[in-house]
Amino acid sequence: MLHRPAEGFLGGLWEYPGYTLKESSPEYFKEFCKKNKILIREEFSGSAKHTYSHFHQELRIYKAELNGEWQNSDWTESRFVDKNEKNKLARSKITMKISQIIHHQ
């Protein structure tokens, strides 16, 4: 799980590793994964959807491996957690929806 900085959107919450793509094309996604050394192992069926007051999110969920060090300063901490610990962390509704999808497939 990754911990967001206290300031800003969803500040202080924990979430799964992820990234917002600027384009939704398959070619862009493939190049993004290659550039960031991400190996997709599995795509979960369905997507996690959530609407905020000013935008809508629809997330595709993948099981993936990172072949290198993640180069992103969007989070303040990262760590592996088991299901019991994860359920005690402050998480957004979209992160909880992702958990439901992952644990029911």
N, C-alpha and C. Protein backbone atom coordinates (compact mmCIF):
# COMPACT_ATOMS: atom_id res chain seq x y z
N MET A 1 0.86 -1.17 0.00
CA MET A 1 0.00 0.00 0.00
C MET A 1 0.90 1.24 0.00
N LEU A 2 0.37 2.31 -0.55
CA LEU A 2 1.09 3.58 -0.62
C LEU A 2 0.33 4.63 0.18
N HIS A 3 1.08 5.51 0.85
CA HIS A 3 0.49 6.54 1.70
C HIS A 3 0.61 7.89 1.01
N ARG A 4 -0.52 8.55 0.82
CA ARG A 4 -0.52 9.88 0.19
C ARG A 4 -0.04 10.93 1.19
N PRO A 5 0.56 12.01 0.68
CA PRO A 5 0.93 13.12 1.57
C PRO A 5 -0.30 13.66 2.28
N ALA A 6 -0.11 14.25 3.44
CA ALA A 6 -1.23 14.78 4.24
C ALA A 6 -1.98 15.89 3.51
N GLU A 7 -1.28 16.67 2.72
CA GLU A 7 -1.89 17.79 1.99
C GLU A 7 -2.36 17.33 0.62
N GLY A 8 -3.42 17.94 0.11
CA GLY A 8 -3.88 17.66 -1.24
C GLY A 8 -5.02 16.67 -1.32
N PHE A 9 -5.35 16.30 -2.56
CA PHE A 9 -6.48 15.41 -2.84
C PHE A 9 -6.29 14.07 -2.15
N LEU A 10 -7.29 13.61 -1.41
CA LEU A 10 -7.27 12.35 -0.65
C LEU A 10 -6.07 12.28 0.31
N GLY A 11 -5.70 13.42 0.85
CA GLY A 11 -4.54 13.54 1.71
C GLY A 11 -4.56 12.59 2.90
N GLY A 12 -3.43 11.93 3.13
CA GLY A 12 -3.25 11.05 4.27
C GLY A 12 -3.84 9.66 4.11
N LEU A 13 -4.48 9.37 2.98
CA LEU A 13 -5.09 8.06 2.79
C LEU A 13 -4.10 7.07 2.18
N TRP A 14 -4.39 5.79 2.36
CA TRP A 14 -3.59 4.71 1.80
C TRP A 14 -4.29 4.17 0.55
N GLU A 15 -3.50 3.74 -0.43
CA GLU A 15 -4.07 3.24 -1.67
C GLU A 15 -3.13 2.23 -2.32
N TYR A 16 -3.66 1.56 -3.32
CA TYR A 16 -2.83 0.63 -4.10
C TYR A 16 -1.95 1.43 -5.06
N PRO A 17 -0.82 0.86 -5.45
CA PRO A 17 -0.01 1.55 -6.46
C PRO A 17 -0.84 1.77 -7.72
N GLY A 18 -0.69 2.91 -8.30
CA GLY A 18 -1.44 3.20 -9.51
C GLY A 18 -0.92 4.45 -10.17
N TYR A 19 -1.48 4.73 -11.32
CA TYR A 19 -1.07 5.91 -12.05
C TYR A 19 -2.17 6.31 -13.00
N THR A 20 -2.36 7.59 -13.19
CA THR A 20 -3.35 8.09 -14.14
C THR A 20 -2.68 8.27 -15.48
N LEU A 21 -3.22 7.59 -16.47
CA LEU A 21 -2.69 7.72 -17.82
C LEU A 21 -3.30 8.93 -18.51
N LYS A 22 -2.50 9.62 -19.30
CA LYS A 22 -2.99 10.80 -20.01
C LYS A 22 -3.85 10.41 -21.20
N GLU A 23 -3.67 9.21 -21.71
CA GLU A 23 -4.46 8.72 -22.83
C GLU A 23 -4.95 7.32 -22.48
N SER A 24 -6.08 6.93 -23.04
CA SER A 24 -6.61 5.60 -22.73
C SER A 24 -6.36 4.60 -23.86
N SER A 25 -5.47 4.89 -24.76
CA SER A 25 -5.21 3.98 -25.88
C SER A 25 -4.34 2.80 -25.44
N PRO A 26 -4.57 1.63 -26.03
CA PRO A 26 -3.75 0.45 -25.71
C PRO A 26 -2.26 0.68 -26.01
N GLU A 27 -1.95 1.43 -27.05
CA GLU A 27 -0.56 1.70 -27.39
C GLU A 27 0.12 2.54 -26.32
N TYR A 28 -0.58 3.56 -25.82
CA TYR A 28 -0.02 4.41 -24.77
C TYR A 28 0.22 3.59 -23.51
N PHE A 29 -0.74 2.73 -23.15
CA PHE A 29 -0.61 1.89 -21.96
C PHE A 29 0.60 0.96 -22.10
N LYS A 30 0.75 0.34 -23.25
CA LYS A 30 1.87 -0.56 -23.50
C LYS A 30 3.21 0.17 -23.37
N GLU A 31 3.31 1.34 -23.95
CA GLU A 31 4.54 2.14 -23.86
C GLU A 31 4.79 2.62 -22.44
N PHE A 32 3.73 3.00 -21.72
CA PHE A 32 3.85 3.43 -20.33
C PHE A 32 4.44 2.30 -19.49
N CYS A 33 3.92 1.08 -19.66
CA CYS A 33 4.40 -0.07 -18.90
C CYS A 33 5.86 -0.37 -19.25
N LYS A 34 6.19 -0.31 -20.51
CA LYS A 34 7.56 -0.58 -20.94
C LYS A 34 8.53 0.45 -20.36
N LYS A 35 8.18 1.71 -20.45
CA LYS A 35 9.03 2.80 -19.95
C LYS A 35 9.25 2.70 -18.44
N ASN A 36 8.20 2.28 -17.71
CA ASN A 36 8.28 2.21 -16.25
C ASN A 36 8.60 0.81 -15.72
N LYS A 37 8.98 -0.10 -16.63
CA LYS A 37 9.38 -1.46 -16.26
C LYS A 37 8.29 -2.19 -15.48
N ILE A 38 7.06 -2.08 -15.97
CA ILE A 38 5.91 -2.73 -15.35
C ILE A 38 5.52 -3.94 -16.19
N LEU A 39 5.47 -5.11 -15.56
CA LEU A 39 5.07 -6.33 -16.25
C LEU A 39 3.66 -6.70 -15.79
N ILE A 40 2.70 -6.65 -16.70
CA ILE A 40 1.32 -7.00 -16.37
C ILE A 40 1.21 -8.52 -16.33
N ARG A 41 0.71 -9.04 -15.21
CA ARG A 41 0.54 -10.48 -15.03
C ARG A 41 -0.91 -10.92 -15.23
N GLU A 42 -1.85 -10.04 -14.89
CA GLU A 42 -3.26 -10.41 -14.96
C GLU A 42 -4.10 -9.14 -14.93
N GLU A 43 -5.19 -9.12 -15.70
CA GLU A 43 -6.16 -8.04 -15.59
C GLU A 43 -7.40 -8.60 -14.90
N PHE A 44 -7.85 -7.94 -13.85
CA PHE A 44 -9.06 -8.36 -13.14
C PHE A 44 -10.27 -7.96 -13.97
N SER A 45 -11.30 -8.79 -13.93
CA SER A 45 -12.52 -8.45 -14.67
C SER A 45 -13.25 -7.35 -13.93
N GLY A 46 -13.94 -6.53 -14.69
CA GLY A 46 -14.66 -5.41 -14.10
C GLY A 46 -13.73 -4.24 -13.85
N SER A 47 -14.28 -3.17 -13.36
CA SER A 47 -13.49 -1.98 -13.04
C SER A 47 -14.08 -1.35 -11.78
N ALA A 48 -13.28 -0.56 -11.12
CA ALA A 48 -13.74 0.17 -9.93
C ALA A 48 -14.18 1.56 -10.40
N LYS A 49 -15.40 1.94 -10.02
CA LYS A 49 -15.95 3.23 -10.45
C LYS A 49 -16.33 4.05 -9.23
N HIS A 50 -16.07 5.36 -9.32
CA HIS A 50 -16.46 6.26 -8.24
C HIS A 50 -16.62 7.67 -8.80
N THR A 51 -17.59 8.39 -8.29
CA THR A 51 -17.82 9.77 -8.72
C THR A 51 -17.57 10.71 -7.55
N TYR A 52 -16.71 11.68 -7.80
CA TYR A 52 -16.46 12.76 -6.84
C TYR A 52 -17.31 13.94 -7.27
N SER A 53 -17.28 15.01 -6.53
CA SER A 53 -18.13 16.16 -6.87
C SER A 53 -17.75 16.79 -8.21
N HIS A 54 -16.48 16.69 -8.61
CA HIS A 54 -16.03 17.38 -9.81
C HIS A 54 -15.46 16.48 -10.91
N PHE A 55 -15.46 15.16 -10.72
CA PHE A 55 -15.03 14.26 -11.79
C PHE A 55 -15.43 12.82 -11.48
N HIS A 56 -15.33 11.99 -12.50
CA HIS A 56 -15.69 10.58 -12.40
C HIS A 56 -14.42 9.75 -12.65
N GLN A 57 -14.25 8.68 -11.87
CA GLN A 57 -13.12 7.77 -12.04
C GLN A 57 -13.63 6.39 -12.42
N GLU A 58 -12.94 5.77 -13.36
CA GLU A 58 -13.17 4.37 -13.67
C GLU A 58 -11.80 3.74 -13.82
N LEU A 59 -11.49 2.81 -12.93
CA LEU A 59 -10.15 2.23 -12.87
C LEU A 59 -10.14 0.79 -13.33
N ARG A 60 -9.21 0.47 -14.21
CA ARG A 60 -8.94 -0.91 -14.58
C ARG A 60 -7.91 -1.43 -13.60
N ILE A 61 -8.03 -2.69 -13.21
CA ILE A 61 -7.20 -3.23 -12.14
C ILE A 61 -6.35 -4.37 -12.69
N TYR A 62 -5.06 -4.32 -12.39
CA TYR A 62 -4.11 -5.31 -12.88
C TYR A 62 -3.28 -5.86 -11.74
N LYS A 63 -2.88 -7.10 -11.87
CA LYS A 63 -1.82 -7.66 -11.04
C LYS A 63 -0.56 -7.49 -11.87
N ALA A 64 0.45 -6.86 -11.29
CA ALA A 64 1.64 -6.53 -12.06
C ALA A 64 2.89 -6.67 -11.21
N GLU A 65 4.02 -6.70 -11.88
CA GLU A 65 5.32 -6.70 -11.21
C GLU A 65 6.10 -5.50 -11.70
N LEU A 66 6.90 -4.96 -10.81
CA LEU A 66 7.76 -3.84 -11.15
C LEU A 66 9.18 -4.36 -11.25
N ASN A 67 9.79 -4.21 -12.40
CA ASN A 67 11.16 -4.67 -12.63
C ASN A 67 12.13 -3.51 -12.48
N GLY A 68 12.23 -2.99 -11.30
CA GLY A 68 13.10 -1.86 -11.03
C GLY A 68 12.53 -1.08 -9.86
N GLU A 69 13.07 0.10 -9.65
CA GLU A 69 12.62 0.93 -8.53
C GLU A 69 11.57 1.91 -9.03
N TRP A 70 10.46 2.03 -8.28
CA TRP A 70 9.40 2.95 -8.65
C TRP A 70 9.90 4.37 -8.44
N GLN A 71 9.86 5.17 -9.49
CA GLN A 71 10.36 6.55 -9.45
C GLN A 71 9.19 7.51 -9.40
N ASN A 72 8.59 7.67 -8.22
CA ASN A 72 7.44 8.54 -8.12
C ASN A 72 7.40 9.16 -6.72
N SER A 73 7.25 10.46 -6.67
CA SER A 73 7.24 11.16 -5.38
C SER A 73 5.82 11.51 -4.93
N ASP A 74 4.81 10.87 -5.52
CA ASP A 74 3.42 11.17 -5.16
C ASP A 74 3.02 10.58 -3.80
N TRP A 75 3.82 9.69 -3.25
CA TRP A 75 3.49 9.03 -1.99
C TRP A 75 4.61 9.22 -0.98
N THR A 76 4.26 9.22 0.31
CA THR A 76 5.25 9.45 1.36
C THR A 76 5.80 8.17 1.95
N GLU A 77 5.09 7.05 1.76
CA GLU A 77 5.50 5.78 2.35
C GLU A 77 4.89 4.65 1.54
N SER A 78 5.58 3.52 1.51
CA SER A 78 5.02 2.32 0.88
C SER A 78 5.39 1.13 1.73
N ARG A 79 4.47 0.15 1.77
CA ARG A 79 4.77 -1.08 2.51
C ARG A 79 3.76 -2.17 2.16
N PHE A 80 4.19 -3.40 2.35
CA PHE A 80 3.31 -4.54 2.19
C PHE A 80 2.48 -4.68 3.46
N VAL A 81 1.20 -4.94 3.31
CA VAL A 81 0.32 -5.12 4.47
C VAL A 81 -0.56 -6.34 4.24
N ASP A 82 -0.92 -7.03 5.33
CA ASP A 82 -1.85 -8.15 5.19
C ASP A 82 -3.28 -7.60 5.25
N LYS A 83 -4.24 -8.45 5.01
CA LYS A 83 -5.64 -8.02 4.92
C LYS A 83 -6.11 -7.35 6.21
N ASN A 84 -5.74 -7.89 7.38
CA ASN A 84 -6.17 -7.30 8.65
C ASN A 84 -5.62 -5.90 8.84
N GLU A 85 -4.33 -5.72 8.54
CA GLU A 85 -3.74 -4.39 8.69
C GLU A 85 -4.33 -3.41 7.68
N LYS A 86 -4.52 -3.89 6.44
CA LYS A 86 -5.07 -3.03 5.39
C LYS A 86 -6.44 -2.49 5.80
N ASN A 87 -7.26 -3.33 6.41
CA ASN A 87 -8.60 -2.90 6.80
C ASN A 87 -8.59 -1.85 7.92
N LYS A 88 -7.47 -1.69 8.60
CA LYS A 88 -7.35 -0.68 9.66
C LYS A 88 -6.81 0.65 9.14
N LEU A 89 -6.30 0.66 7.91
CA LEU A 89 -5.73 1.88 7.35
C LEU A 89 -6.83 2.79 6.81
N ALA A 90 -6.61 4.09 6.87
CA ALA A 90 -7.55 5.05 6.28
C ALA A 90 -7.42 4.96 4.76
N ARG A 91 -8.55 4.60 4.10
CA ARG A 91 -8.55 4.42 2.65
C ARG A 91 -9.75 5.13 2.04
N SER A 92 -9.62 5.47 0.77
CA SER A 92 -10.73 6.09 0.06
C SER A 92 -11.74 5.02 -0.34
N LYS A 93 -12.93 5.46 -0.73
CA LYS A 93 -13.96 4.51 -1.19
C LYS A 93 -13.50 3.76 -2.43
N ILE A 94 -12.80 4.43 -3.34
CA ILE A 94 -12.35 3.74 -4.56
C ILE A 94 -11.33 2.66 -4.20
N THR A 95 -10.48 2.89 -3.23
CA THR A 95 -9.52 1.87 -2.80
C THR A 95 -10.25 0.69 -2.17
N MET A 96 -11.30 0.95 -1.42
CA MET A 96 -12.08 -0.15 -0.84
C MET A 96 -12.80 -0.95 -1.94
N LYS A 97 -13.27 -0.27 -2.98
CA LYS A 97 -13.90 -0.96 -4.10
C LYS A 97 -12.89 -1.86 -4.82
N ILE A 98 -11.67 -1.37 -4.96
CA ILE A 98 -10.62 -2.18 -5.58
C ILE A 98 -10.36 -3.43 -4.75
N SER A 99 -10.29 -3.27 -3.43
CA SER A 99 -10.08 -4.41 -2.53
C SER A 99 -11.16 -5.47 -2.73
N GLN A 100 -12.40 -5.04 -2.85
CA GLN A 100 -13.51 -5.98 -3.06
C GLN A 100 -13.32 -6.76 -4.36
N ILE A 101 -12.93 -6.08 -5.41
CA ILE A 101 -12.72 -6.74 -6.70
C ILE A 101 -11.59 -7.75 -6.62
N ILE A 102 -10.48 -7.36 -6.01
CA ILE A 102 -9.31 -8.23 -5.91
C ILE A 102 -9.60 -9.47 -5.07
N HIS A 103 -10.30 -9.29 -3.97
CA HIS A 103 -10.51 -10.40 -3.05
C HIS A 103 -11.70 -11.30 -3.40
N HIS A 104 -12.45 -10.93 -4.44
CA HIS A 104 -13.59 -11.76 -4.85
C HIS A 104 -13.37 -12.43 -6.20
N GLN A 105 -12.14 -12.44 -6.66
CA GLN A 105 -11.84 -13.12 -7.93
C GLN A 105 -10.77 -14.16 -7.75
